[in-house]
Amino acid sequence: MAAKPGRSDKVLSSIFMSTGLTGLSVIVDLVIMAIISRLIPPSEFGVLAAAMFLLAVCNLLREGGIGSALIQFKTLEPRLIQAGFTLAMGWSILLFVVIQIAAPWYAGFIRIPQLGDVLRVLSLIFPIQAFSLIGQALLQRRLKSPLAATCELAARAFSYLVIGVTLAYSGWGYWALVAAWIGEACILSVLISALTKSV
């Protein structure tokens, strides 16, 4: 009878698979940019670049170490998972409200008027991502990071290559990328939630 793989073997396997998926993700991103850059004028990318900067900062605040804490607990009880989700959702809703209020001011400050509406729509991502945050932490804890990475890759590829490209071709401009961004968050949350219950 073959020996069952030990924890160290699982860790190594997880690392190798994650590395391979990261490389594949880079290729997918390059393909996405090559296609969309031909459909959306370069001037419109500036709106998304400004939005991405602010949202990237907010994303660092959104996670707040909640996922890392769940991974590191020696024994993870259901009440801790529920508490983590409650904190993640509460913090995400707070960031959503802050962006709704601050978006016009930020848009005026950097002199991109249309950015206000873009940020207000994109801030919907925060509550949506709260549903996947805990699931991703649980998958990492179970040494299933490659599965989470596969979900991320699938969500990104579908959202941008199907939703983003279709809307960009239809003349939606930067709103095509906004829709793809939100679509990616929704699809990832659904996939992670389903995967967490099955493994």
N, C-alpha and C. Protein backbone atom coordinates (compact mmCIF):
# COMPACT_ATOMS: atom_id res chain seq x y z
N MET A 1 0.85 -1.19 0.00
CA MET A 1 0.00 0.00 0.00
C MET A 1 0.89 1.25 0.00
N ALA A 2 0.58 2.20 -0.88
CA ALA A 2 1.39 3.41 -0.96
C ALA A 2 1.17 4.27 0.27
N ALA A 3 2.26 4.88 0.72
CA ALA A 3 2.17 5.74 1.90
C ALA A 3 1.42 7.02 1.55
N LYS A 4 0.62 7.47 2.49
CA LYS A 4 -0.12 8.71 2.28
C LYS A 4 0.85 9.88 2.34
N PRO A 5 0.65 10.90 1.49
CA PRO A 5 1.53 12.05 1.52
C PRO A 5 1.45 12.78 2.84
N GLY A 6 2.62 13.14 3.38
CA GLY A 6 2.65 13.88 4.64
C GLY A 6 2.32 15.34 4.44
N ARG A 7 2.28 16.07 5.54
CA ARG A 7 1.94 17.50 5.46
C ARG A 7 2.98 18.27 4.65
N SER A 8 4.26 17.90 4.82
CA SER A 8 5.31 18.60 4.08
C SER A 8 5.15 18.39 2.58
N ASP A 9 4.74 17.17 2.18
CA ASP A 9 4.51 16.89 0.76
C ASP A 9 3.34 17.72 0.23
N LYS A 10 2.31 17.87 1.05
CA LYS A 10 1.16 18.67 0.64
C LYS A 10 1.54 20.14 0.49
N VAL A 11 2.40 20.61 1.41
CA VAL A 11 2.84 22.00 1.35
C VAL A 11 3.63 22.25 0.07
N LEU A 12 4.56 21.35 -0.24
CA LEU A 12 5.38 21.49 -1.45
C LEU A 12 4.51 21.44 -2.70
N SER A 13 3.56 20.50 -2.72
CA SER A 13 2.67 20.39 -3.86
C SER A 13 1.85 21.66 -4.03
N SER A 14 1.39 22.21 -2.91
CA SER A 14 0.60 23.44 -2.95
C SER A 14 1.43 24.60 -3.49
N ILE A 15 2.71 24.66 -3.07
CA ILE A 15 3.59 25.74 -3.53
C ILE A 15 3.84 25.64 -5.03
N PHE A 16 4.14 24.44 -5.51
CA PHE A 16 4.41 24.25 -6.94
C PHE A 16 3.18 24.59 -7.79
N MET A 17 2.02 24.14 -7.34
CA MET A 17 0.79 24.40 -8.09
C MET A 17 0.46 25.89 -8.08
N SER A 18 0.65 26.53 -6.94
CA SER A 18 0.37 27.97 -6.84
C SER A 18 1.30 28.76 -7.75
N THR A 19 2.57 28.34 -7.81
CA THR A 19 3.54 29.01 -8.67
C THR A 19 3.14 28.89 -10.14
N GLY A 20 2.74 27.68 -10.54
CA GLY A 20 2.30 27.46 -11.91
C GLY A 20 1.07 28.28 -12.25
N LEU A 21 0.13 28.36 -11.31
CA LEU A 21 -1.09 29.12 -11.55
C LEU A 21 -0.80 30.62 -11.62
N THR A 22 0.20 31.07 -10.84
CA THR A 22 0.59 32.48 -10.90
C THR A 22 1.13 32.83 -12.28
N GLY A 23 1.97 31.93 -12.81
CA GLY A 23 2.49 32.14 -14.16
C GLY A 23 1.38 32.17 -15.20
N LEU A 24 0.43 31.26 -15.07
CA LEU A 24 -0.70 31.21 -15.99
C LEU A 24 -1.55 32.47 -15.88
N SER A 25 -1.69 32.96 -14.65
CA SER A 25 -2.46 34.17 -14.41
C SER A 25 -1.82 35.37 -15.11
N VAL A 26 -0.50 35.43 -15.09
CA VAL A 26 0.21 36.53 -15.77
C VAL A 26 -0.07 36.48 -17.27
N ILE A 27 -0.04 35.29 -17.84
CA ILE A 27 -0.31 35.13 -19.27
C ILE A 27 -1.74 35.58 -19.60
N VAL A 28 -2.69 35.16 -18.77
CA VAL A 28 -4.09 35.54 -18.98
C VAL A 28 -4.24 37.06 -18.90
N ASP A 29 -3.58 37.69 -17.92
CA ASP A 29 -3.65 39.14 -17.78
C ASP A 29 -3.09 39.85 -19.02
N LEU A 30 -2.00 39.32 -19.57
CA LEU A 30 -1.41 39.91 -20.76
C LEU A 30 -2.36 39.80 -21.95
N VAL A 31 -3.01 38.65 -22.07
CA VAL A 31 -3.97 38.46 -23.16
C VAL A 31 -5.15 39.42 -23.00
N ILE A 32 -5.64 39.56 -21.77
CA ILE A 32 -6.75 40.47 -21.51
C ILE A 32 -6.39 41.90 -21.90
N MET A 33 -5.22 42.36 -21.45
CA MET A 33 -4.80 43.73 -21.74
C MET A 33 -4.58 43.93 -23.23
N ALA A 34 -4.03 42.93 -23.91
CA ALA A 34 -3.78 43.04 -25.35
C ALA A 34 -5.08 43.22 -26.12
N ILE A 35 -6.13 42.52 -25.67
CA ILE A 35 -7.43 42.61 -26.36
C ILE A 35 -8.15 43.90 -26.01
N ILE A 36 -8.27 44.18 -24.72
CA ILE A 36 -9.06 45.34 -24.28
C ILE A 36 -8.40 46.65 -24.68
N SER A 37 -7.07 46.70 -24.69
CA SER A 37 -6.38 47.94 -25.06
C SER A 37 -6.67 48.34 -26.50
N ARG A 38 -7.10 47.39 -27.32
CA ARG A 38 -7.46 47.69 -28.71
C ARG A 38 -8.91 48.15 -28.84
N LEU A 39 -9.67 47.97 -27.76
CA LEU A 39 -11.10 48.30 -27.82
C LEU A 39 -11.45 49.56 -27.03
N ILE A 40 -10.57 49.93 -26.07
CA ILE A 40 -10.82 51.10 -25.23
C ILE A 40 -9.72 52.13 -25.46
N PRO A 41 -10.07 53.40 -25.71
CA PRO A 41 -9.06 54.44 -25.93
C PRO A 41 -8.13 54.57 -24.72
N PRO A 42 -6.84 54.82 -24.95
CA PRO A 42 -5.88 54.96 -23.85
C PRO A 42 -6.28 56.02 -22.82
N SER A 43 -6.94 57.07 -23.28
CA SER A 43 -7.33 58.15 -22.36
C SER A 43 -8.29 57.67 -21.29
N GLU A 44 -9.09 56.65 -21.61
CA GLU A 44 -10.08 56.16 -20.66
C GLU A 44 -9.46 55.26 -19.60
N PHE A 45 -8.28 54.73 -19.88
CA PHE A 45 -7.60 53.90 -18.90
C PHE A 45 -7.16 54.73 -17.69
N GLY A 46 -6.97 56.03 -17.91
CA GLY A 46 -6.56 56.90 -16.80
C GLY A 46 -7.60 56.96 -15.69
N VAL A 47 -8.88 56.89 -16.07
CA VAL A 47 -9.95 56.90 -15.08
C VAL A 47 -9.85 55.67 -14.19
N LEU A 48 -9.62 54.50 -14.82
CA LEU A 48 -9.52 53.26 -14.05
C LEU A 48 -8.25 53.22 -13.21
N ALA A 49 -7.17 53.79 -13.75
CA ALA A 49 -5.90 53.81 -13.01
C ALA A 49 -6.05 54.61 -11.72
N ALA A 50 -6.72 55.75 -11.80
CA ALA A 50 -6.95 56.56 -10.61
C ALA A 50 -7.84 55.83 -9.61
N ALA A 51 -8.85 55.12 -10.11
CA ALA A 51 -9.74 54.36 -9.23
C ALA A 51 -9.00 53.20 -8.58
N MET A 52 -8.15 52.52 -9.35
CA MET A 52 -7.42 51.36 -8.83
C MET A 52 -6.48 51.75 -7.70
N PHE A 53 -5.90 52.94 -7.79
CA PHE A 53 -4.98 53.38 -6.72
C PHE A 53 -5.72 53.49 -5.39
N LEU A 54 -6.85 54.17 -5.40
CA LEU A 54 -7.60 54.34 -4.16
C LEU A 54 -8.16 53.02 -3.65
N LEU A 55 -8.68 52.20 -4.55
CA LEU A 55 -9.27 50.92 -4.14
C LEU A 55 -8.20 49.95 -3.63
N ALA A 56 -6.98 50.04 -4.16
CA ALA A 56 -5.90 49.18 -3.68
C ALA A 56 -5.57 49.51 -2.23
N VAL A 57 -5.57 50.80 -1.90
CA VAL A 57 -5.33 51.22 -0.52
C VAL A 57 -6.46 50.71 0.38
N CYS A 58 -7.69 50.86 -0.08
CA CYS A 58 -8.85 50.40 0.70
C CYS A 58 -8.83 48.89 0.88
N ASN A 59 -8.35 48.16 -0.12
CA ASN A 59 -8.29 46.70 -0.02
C ASN A 59 -7.35 46.26 1.09
N LEU A 60 -6.25 47.00 1.26
CA LEU A 60 -5.33 46.68 2.36
C LEU A 60 -6.02 46.85 3.70
N LEU A 61 -6.85 47.88 3.80
CA LEU A 61 -7.58 48.12 5.05
C LEU A 61 -8.71 47.10 5.23
N ARG A 62 -9.31 46.68 4.11
CA ARG A 62 -10.46 45.78 4.17
C ARG A 62 -10.10 44.44 4.80
N GLU A 63 -8.95 43.90 4.39
CA GLU A 63 -8.57 42.58 4.90
C GLU A 63 -8.29 42.65 6.40
N GLY A 64 -7.56 43.68 6.82
CA GLY A 64 -7.36 43.94 8.24
C GLY A 64 -6.80 42.79 9.05
N GLY A 65 -6.14 41.85 8.41
CA GLY A 65 -5.55 40.73 9.14
C GLY A 65 -6.53 39.66 9.57
N ILE A 66 -7.79 39.78 9.14
CA ILE A 66 -8.82 38.82 9.55
C ILE A 66 -8.52 37.44 9.00
N GLY A 67 -8.22 37.39 7.69
CA GLY A 67 -7.92 36.11 7.07
C GLY A 67 -6.68 35.46 7.67
N SER A 68 -5.65 36.25 7.89
CA SER A 68 -4.41 35.73 8.47
C SER A 68 -4.65 35.17 9.86
N ALA A 69 -5.49 35.85 10.63
CA ALA A 69 -5.79 35.38 11.98
C ALA A 69 -6.49 34.02 11.95
N LEU A 70 -7.43 33.85 11.03
CA LEU A 70 -8.15 32.58 10.94
C LEU A 70 -7.21 31.45 10.53
N ILE A 71 -6.24 31.76 9.69
CA ILE A 71 -5.28 30.74 9.25
C ILE A 71 -4.41 30.28 10.41
N GLN A 72 -4.06 31.20 11.29
CA GLN A 72 -3.09 30.91 12.34
C GLN A 72 -3.69 30.32 13.61
N PHE A 73 -5.00 30.41 13.79
CA PHE A 73 -5.61 29.80 14.97
C PHE A 73 -5.32 28.30 15.00
N LYS A 74 -4.90 27.80 16.15
CA LYS A 74 -4.59 26.38 16.27
C LYS A 74 -5.86 25.55 16.13
N THR A 75 -6.92 25.98 16.80
CA THR A 75 -8.22 25.33 16.69
C THR A 75 -9.23 26.36 16.23
N LEU A 76 -9.89 26.07 15.14
CA LEU A 76 -10.82 27.04 14.56
C LEU A 76 -12.25 26.58 14.80
N GLU A 77 -12.93 27.29 15.70
CA GLU A 77 -14.31 26.97 16.03
C GLU A 77 -15.26 27.75 15.13
N PRO A 78 -16.47 27.23 14.94
CA PRO A 78 -17.46 27.92 14.10
C PRO A 78 -17.72 29.36 14.52
N ARG A 79 -17.69 29.61 15.83
CA ARG A 79 -17.95 30.98 16.30
C ARG A 79 -16.86 31.94 15.86
N LEU A 80 -15.63 31.46 15.72
CA LEU A 80 -14.54 32.31 15.25
C LEU A 80 -14.70 32.63 13.77
N ILE A 81 -15.16 31.63 13.02
CA ILE A 81 -15.40 31.86 11.59
C ILE A 81 -16.52 32.89 11.42
N GLN A 82 -17.58 32.75 12.22
CA GLN A 82 -18.70 33.69 12.14
C GLN A 82 -18.27 35.09 12.55
N ALA A 83 -17.44 35.16 13.60
CA ALA A 83 -16.95 36.46 14.05
C ALA A 83 -16.08 37.11 12.97
N GLY A 84 -15.26 36.29 12.32
CA GLY A 84 -14.40 36.80 11.24
C GLY A 84 -15.23 37.35 10.09
N PHE A 85 -16.28 36.62 9.73
CA PHE A 85 -17.15 37.08 8.63
C PHE A 85 -17.86 38.37 9.01
N THR A 86 -18.34 38.43 10.25
CA THR A 86 -19.04 39.64 10.71
C THR A 86 -18.12 40.85 10.67
N LEU A 87 -16.88 40.67 11.12
CA LEU A 87 -15.91 41.77 11.09
C LEU A 87 -15.59 42.17 9.66
N ALA A 88 -15.39 41.17 8.79
CA ALA A 88 -15.06 41.45 7.40
C ALA A 88 -16.19 42.20 6.70
N MET A 89 -17.43 41.76 6.93
CA MET A 89 -18.57 42.41 6.30
C MET A 89 -18.77 43.82 6.86
N GLY A 90 -18.66 43.96 8.17
CA GLY A 90 -18.83 45.27 8.80
C GLY A 90 -17.80 46.27 8.29
N TRP A 91 -16.56 45.84 8.21
CA TRP A 91 -15.48 46.70 7.73
C TRP A 91 -15.68 47.04 6.26
N SER A 92 -16.15 46.07 5.47
CA SER A 92 -16.39 46.30 4.04
C SER A 92 -17.51 47.31 3.82
N ILE A 93 -18.56 47.20 4.61
CA ILE A 93 -19.68 48.14 4.49
C ILE A 93 -19.23 49.55 4.88
N LEU A 94 -18.37 49.63 5.90
CA LEU A 94 -17.86 50.94 6.32
C LEU A 94 -17.05 51.57 5.19
N LEU A 95 -16.18 50.78 4.54
CA LEU A 95 -15.40 51.30 3.42
C LEU A 95 -16.31 51.72 2.27
N PHE A 96 -17.36 50.94 2.02
CA PHE A 96 -18.32 51.28 0.98
C PHE A 96 -18.95 52.64 1.25
N VAL A 97 -19.36 52.87 2.48
CA VAL A 97 -19.99 54.15 2.85
C VAL A 97 -18.99 55.30 2.71
N VAL A 98 -17.76 55.07 3.15
CA VAL A 98 -16.72 56.12 3.07
C VAL A 98 -16.48 56.51 1.62
N ILE A 99 -16.39 55.50 0.73
CA ILE A 99 -16.16 55.79 -0.69
C ILE A 99 -17.35 56.54 -1.29
N GLN A 100 -18.57 56.15 -0.90
CA GLN A 100 -19.74 56.85 -1.41
C GLN A 100 -19.70 58.34 -1.06
N ILE A 101 -19.22 58.64 0.13
CA ILE A 101 -19.17 60.03 0.58
C ILE A 101 -17.97 60.77 -0.02
N ALA A 102 -16.82 60.10 -0.06
CA ALA A 102 -15.58 60.77 -0.45
C ALA A 102 -15.32 60.79 -1.95
N ALA A 103 -16.03 59.97 -2.72
CA ALA A 103 -15.75 59.85 -4.16
C ALA A 103 -15.77 61.19 -4.91
N PRO A 104 -16.80 62.01 -4.73
CA PRO A 104 -16.81 63.30 -5.46
C PRO A 104 -15.63 64.19 -5.08
N TRP A 105 -15.28 64.20 -3.80
CA TRP A 105 -14.15 65.02 -3.35
C TRP A 105 -12.85 64.54 -3.98
N TYR A 106 -12.64 63.22 -4.00
CA TYR A 106 -11.42 62.66 -4.57
C TYR A 106 -11.35 62.94 -6.06
N ALA A 107 -12.49 62.80 -6.75
CA ALA A 107 -12.53 63.07 -8.19
C ALA A 107 -12.20 64.53 -8.49
N GLY A 108 -12.72 65.43 -7.66
CA GLY A 108 -12.41 66.84 -7.84
C GLY A 108 -10.96 67.16 -7.54
N PHE A 109 -10.41 66.48 -6.54
CA PHE A 109 -9.03 66.73 -6.13
C PHE A 109 -8.05 66.38 -7.24
N ILE A 110 -8.27 65.27 -7.93
CA ILE A 110 -7.34 64.88 -9.00
C ILE A 110 -7.86 65.30 -10.39
N ARG A 111 -8.97 66.06 -10.38
CA ARG A 111 -9.49 66.69 -11.60
C ARG A 111 -9.91 65.66 -12.68
N ILE A 112 -10.60 64.63 -12.24
CA ILE A 112 -11.20 63.67 -13.17
C ILE A 112 -12.67 63.53 -12.76
N PRO A 113 -13.54 64.41 -13.24
CA PRO A 113 -14.94 64.46 -12.78
C PRO A 113 -15.68 63.12 -12.85
N GLN A 114 -15.46 62.36 -13.93
CA GLN A 114 -16.20 61.11 -14.10
C GLN A 114 -15.76 60.02 -13.12
N LEU A 115 -14.66 60.26 -12.42
CA LEU A 115 -14.15 59.26 -11.48
C LEU A 115 -15.09 59.06 -10.30
N GLY A 116 -15.85 60.10 -9.93
CA GLY A 116 -16.75 59.98 -8.79
C GLY A 116 -17.75 58.87 -8.97
N ASP A 117 -18.41 58.84 -10.12
CA ASP A 117 -19.41 57.79 -10.39
C ASP A 117 -18.75 56.42 -10.47
N VAL A 118 -17.57 56.36 -11.08
CA VAL A 118 -16.85 55.08 -11.19
C VAL A 118 -16.54 54.51 -9.82
N LEU A 119 -16.04 55.34 -8.93
CA LEU A 119 -15.68 54.88 -7.58
C LEU A 119 -16.91 54.43 -6.81
N ARG A 120 -17.99 55.14 -6.96
CA ARG A 120 -19.20 54.78 -6.23
C ARG A 120 -19.72 53.41 -6.66
N VAL A 121 -19.61 53.13 -7.95
CA VAL A 121 -20.04 51.82 -8.44
C VAL A 121 -19.05 50.73 -8.02
N LEU A 122 -17.77 51.01 -8.17
CA LEU A 122 -16.75 50.02 -7.83
C LEU A 122 -16.70 49.70 -6.34
N SER A 123 -17.16 50.62 -5.51
CA SER A 123 -17.14 50.36 -4.07
C SER A 123 -18.07 49.22 -3.67
N LEU A 124 -18.96 48.81 -4.59
CA LEU A 124 -19.81 47.64 -4.34
C LEU A 124 -18.97 46.38 -4.17
N ILE A 125 -17.75 46.43 -4.69
CA ILE A 125 -16.86 45.28 -4.60
C ILE A 125 -16.55 44.91 -3.16
N PHE A 126 -16.46 45.89 -2.28
CA PHE A 126 -16.05 45.60 -0.91
C PHE A 126 -17.00 44.64 -0.18
N PRO A 127 -18.31 44.91 -0.14
CA PRO A 127 -19.21 43.94 0.51
C PRO A 127 -19.22 42.58 -0.20
N ILE A 128 -19.08 42.60 -1.54
CA ILE A 128 -19.06 41.34 -2.29
C ILE A 128 -17.84 40.51 -1.90
N GLN A 129 -16.68 41.16 -1.81
CA GLN A 129 -15.45 40.45 -1.50
C GLN A 129 -15.44 39.89 -0.08
N ALA A 130 -16.26 40.45 0.79
CA ALA A 130 -16.31 39.94 2.17
C ALA A 130 -16.76 38.48 2.19
N PHE A 131 -17.56 38.08 1.20
CA PHE A 131 -18.05 36.70 1.15
C PHE A 131 -16.94 35.73 0.77
N SER A 132 -15.94 36.19 0.01
CA SER A 132 -14.86 35.29 -0.41
C SER A 132 -13.66 35.34 0.52
N LEU A 133 -13.54 36.41 1.31
CA LEU A 133 -12.36 36.58 2.18
C LEU A 133 -12.20 35.42 3.16
N ILE A 134 -13.26 35.08 3.86
CA ILE A 134 -13.19 34.01 4.86
C ILE A 134 -12.97 32.66 4.18
N GLY A 135 -13.65 32.43 3.06
CA GLY A 135 -13.49 31.17 2.34
C GLY A 135 -12.06 30.97 1.86
N GLN A 136 -11.43 32.03 1.36
CA GLN A 136 -10.05 31.93 0.90
C GLN A 136 -9.11 31.60 2.07
N ALA A 137 -9.38 32.19 3.23
CA ALA A 137 -8.57 31.90 4.41
C ALA A 137 -8.72 30.44 4.83
N LEU A 138 -9.94 29.94 4.78
CA LEU A 138 -10.19 28.54 5.16
C LEU A 138 -9.51 27.58 4.19
N LEU A 139 -9.52 27.91 2.90
CA LEU A 139 -8.84 27.06 1.91
C LEU A 139 -7.34 27.05 2.13
N GLN A 140 -6.78 28.21 2.45
CA GLN A 140 -5.35 28.27 2.75
C GLN A 140 -5.02 27.45 3.99
N ARG A 141 -5.87 27.52 4.98
CA ARG A 141 -5.67 26.77 6.21
C ARG A 141 -5.67 25.26 5.94
N ARG A 142 -6.48 24.85 4.96
CA ARG A 142 -6.59 23.43 4.62
C ARG A 142 -5.58 23.02 3.53
N LEU A 143 -4.62 23.92 3.24
CA LEU A 143 -3.60 23.69 2.21
C LEU A 143 -4.24 23.49 0.84
N LYS A 144 -5.29 24.26 0.59
CA LYS A 144 -5.98 24.20 -0.70
C LYS A 144 -5.81 25.51 -1.46
N SER A 145 -4.69 26.18 -1.26
CA SER A 145 -4.46 27.45 -1.94
C SER A 145 -4.56 27.35 -3.46
N PRO A 146 -4.04 26.26 -4.07
CA PRO A 146 -4.18 26.16 -5.53
C PRO A 146 -5.63 26.18 -6.00
N LEU A 147 -6.53 25.62 -5.21
CA LEU A 147 -7.95 25.65 -5.59
C LEU A 147 -8.47 27.09 -5.57
N ALA A 148 -8.06 27.84 -4.54
CA ALA A 148 -8.47 29.25 -4.47
C ALA A 148 -7.89 30.03 -5.64
N ALA A 149 -6.62 29.76 -5.97
CA ALA A 149 -5.98 30.45 -7.10
C ALA A 149 -6.65 30.10 -8.41
N THR A 150 -7.10 28.85 -8.55
CA THR A 150 -7.81 28.43 -9.76
C THR A 150 -9.13 29.18 -9.89
N CYS A 151 -9.82 29.35 -8.77
CA CYS A 151 -11.07 30.11 -8.77
C CYS A 151 -10.82 31.56 -9.18
N GLU A 152 -9.77 32.15 -8.65
CA GLU A 152 -9.43 33.53 -8.98
C GLU A 152 -9.14 33.67 -10.47
N LEU A 153 -8.39 32.72 -11.01
CA LEU A 153 -8.03 32.75 -12.43
C LEU A 153 -9.27 32.58 -13.31
N ALA A 154 -10.14 31.65 -12.94
CA ALA A 154 -11.36 31.42 -13.72
C ALA A 154 -12.27 32.64 -13.68
N ALA A 155 -12.41 33.24 -12.50
CA ALA A 155 -13.27 34.42 -12.36
C ALA A 155 -12.72 35.58 -13.19
N ARG A 156 -11.41 35.77 -13.14
CA ARG A 156 -10.80 36.88 -13.89
C ARG A 156 -10.93 36.65 -15.39
N ALA A 157 -10.61 35.44 -15.85
CA ALA A 157 -10.65 35.15 -17.28
C ALA A 157 -12.07 35.34 -17.83
N PHE A 158 -13.06 34.78 -17.15
CA PHE A 158 -14.44 34.91 -17.64
C PHE A 158 -14.90 36.36 -17.61
N SER A 159 -14.63 37.06 -16.51
CA SER A 159 -15.14 38.42 -16.34
C SER A 159 -14.58 39.37 -17.40
N TYR A 160 -13.27 39.27 -17.63
CA TYR A 160 -12.66 40.22 -18.56
C TYR A 160 -12.77 39.77 -20.01
N LEU A 161 -12.58 38.47 -20.28
CA LEU A 161 -12.61 38.01 -21.67
C LEU A 161 -14.02 37.90 -22.22
N VAL A 162 -15.00 37.72 -21.34
CA VAL A 162 -16.39 37.63 -21.79
C VAL A 162 -17.14 38.94 -21.52
N ILE A 163 -17.26 39.29 -20.24
CA ILE A 163 -18.01 40.52 -19.89
C ILE A 163 -17.28 41.76 -20.39
N GLY A 164 -15.99 41.89 -20.02
CA GLY A 164 -15.23 43.08 -20.37
C GLY A 164 -15.10 43.29 -21.87
N VAL A 165 -14.68 42.25 -22.57
CA VAL A 165 -14.47 42.37 -24.02
C VAL A 165 -15.79 42.64 -24.75
N THR A 166 -16.86 41.95 -24.33
CA THR A 166 -18.17 42.15 -24.98
C THR A 166 -18.65 43.59 -24.83
N LEU A 167 -18.56 44.12 -23.61
CA LEU A 167 -19.02 45.49 -23.37
C LEU A 167 -18.10 46.52 -24.02
N ALA A 168 -16.80 46.25 -23.99
CA ALA A 168 -15.86 47.17 -24.63
C ALA A 168 -16.11 47.24 -26.13
N TYR A 169 -16.37 46.10 -26.73
CA TYR A 169 -16.66 46.04 -28.17
C TYR A 169 -17.96 46.78 -28.49
N SER A 170 -18.88 46.81 -27.51
CA SER A 170 -20.16 47.48 -27.69
C SER A 170 -20.08 48.99 -27.43
N GLY A 171 -18.88 49.46 -27.07
CA GLY A 171 -18.68 50.90 -26.90
C GLY A 171 -18.88 51.42 -25.49
N TRP A 172 -18.78 50.57 -24.49
CA TRP A 172 -18.98 51.00 -23.11
C TRP A 172 -17.78 51.74 -22.53
N GLY A 173 -16.66 51.71 -23.20
CA GLY A 173 -15.48 52.39 -22.69
C GLY A 173 -15.01 51.84 -21.36
N TYR A 174 -14.62 52.73 -20.43
CA TYR A 174 -14.10 52.27 -19.14
C TYR A 174 -15.15 51.56 -18.30
N TRP A 175 -16.44 51.76 -18.61
CA TRP A 175 -17.48 51.06 -17.86
C TRP A 175 -17.44 49.56 -18.13
N ALA A 176 -16.86 49.17 -19.25
CA ALA A 176 -16.69 47.74 -19.53
C ALA A 176 -15.77 47.11 -18.51
N LEU A 177 -14.71 47.82 -18.15
CA LEU A 177 -13.77 47.31 -17.15
C LEU A 177 -14.38 47.35 -15.75
N VAL A 178 -15.18 48.36 -15.49
CA VAL A 178 -15.88 48.43 -14.20
C VAL A 178 -16.79 47.22 -14.03
N ALA A 179 -17.56 46.92 -15.09
CA ALA A 179 -18.46 45.76 -15.04
C ALA A 179 -17.68 44.47 -14.88
N ALA A 180 -16.54 44.36 -15.58
CA ALA A 180 -15.71 43.15 -15.47
C ALA A 180 -15.16 43.01 -14.06
N TRP A 181 -14.76 44.11 -13.47
CA TRP A 181 -14.19 44.09 -12.11
C TRP A 181 -15.22 43.60 -11.11
N ILE A 182 -16.43 44.13 -11.20
CA ILE A 182 -17.49 43.70 -10.29
C ILE A 182 -17.89 42.26 -10.58
N GLY A 183 -17.94 41.90 -11.86
CA GLY A 183 -18.26 40.53 -12.22
C GLY A 183 -17.26 39.54 -11.66
N GLU A 184 -15.99 39.91 -11.70
CA GLU A 184 -14.95 39.04 -11.15
C GLU A 184 -15.17 38.80 -9.66
N ALA A 185 -15.50 39.87 -8.93
CA ALA A 185 -15.73 39.75 -7.49
C ALA A 185 -16.92 38.85 -7.20
N CYS A 186 -18.00 39.00 -7.98
CA CYS A 186 -19.21 38.18 -7.77
C CYS A 186 -18.94 36.71 -8.06
N ILE A 187 -18.30 36.45 -9.20
CA ILE A 187 -18.03 35.06 -9.58
C ILE A 187 -17.09 34.40 -8.59
N LEU A 188 -16.06 35.13 -8.16
CA LEU A 188 -15.11 34.56 -7.20
C LEU A 188 -15.79 34.23 -5.88
N SER A 189 -16.66 35.10 -5.42
CA SER A 189 -17.37 34.84 -4.15
C SER A 189 -18.22 33.59 -4.25
N VAL A 190 -18.89 33.42 -5.38
CA VAL A 190 -19.74 32.23 -5.57
C VAL A 190 -18.88 30.97 -5.61
N LEU A 191 -17.79 31.01 -6.37
CA LEU A 191 -16.92 29.84 -6.50
C LEU A 191 -16.26 29.46 -5.17
N ILE A 192 -15.75 30.46 -4.47
CA ILE A 192 -15.10 30.20 -3.19
C ILE A 192 -16.08 29.65 -2.17
N SER A 193 -17.27 30.23 -2.13
CA SER A 193 -18.29 29.75 -1.17
C SER A 193 -18.66 28.30 -1.44
N ALA A 194 -18.84 27.97 -2.72
CA ALA A 194 -19.20 26.59 -3.08
C ALA A 194 -18.04 25.64 -2.78
N LEU A 195 -16.82 26.07 -3.05
CA LEU A 195 -15.64 25.22 -2.84
C LEU A 195 -15.38 24.98 -1.36
N THR A 196 -15.58 26.01 -0.56
CA THR A 196 -15.34 25.89 0.88
C THR A 196 -16.25 24.84 1.51
N LYS A 197 -17.47 24.74 0.99
CA LYS A 197 -18.42 23.77 1.55
C LYS A 197 -18.15 22.34 1.08
N SER A 198 -17.40 22.22 -0.01
CA SER A 198 -17.21 20.89 -0.61
C SER A 198 -15.89 20.22 -0.26
N VAL A 199 -14.94 20.99 0.31
CA VAL A 199 -13.64 20.39 0.63
C VAL A 199 -13.38 20.44 2.13
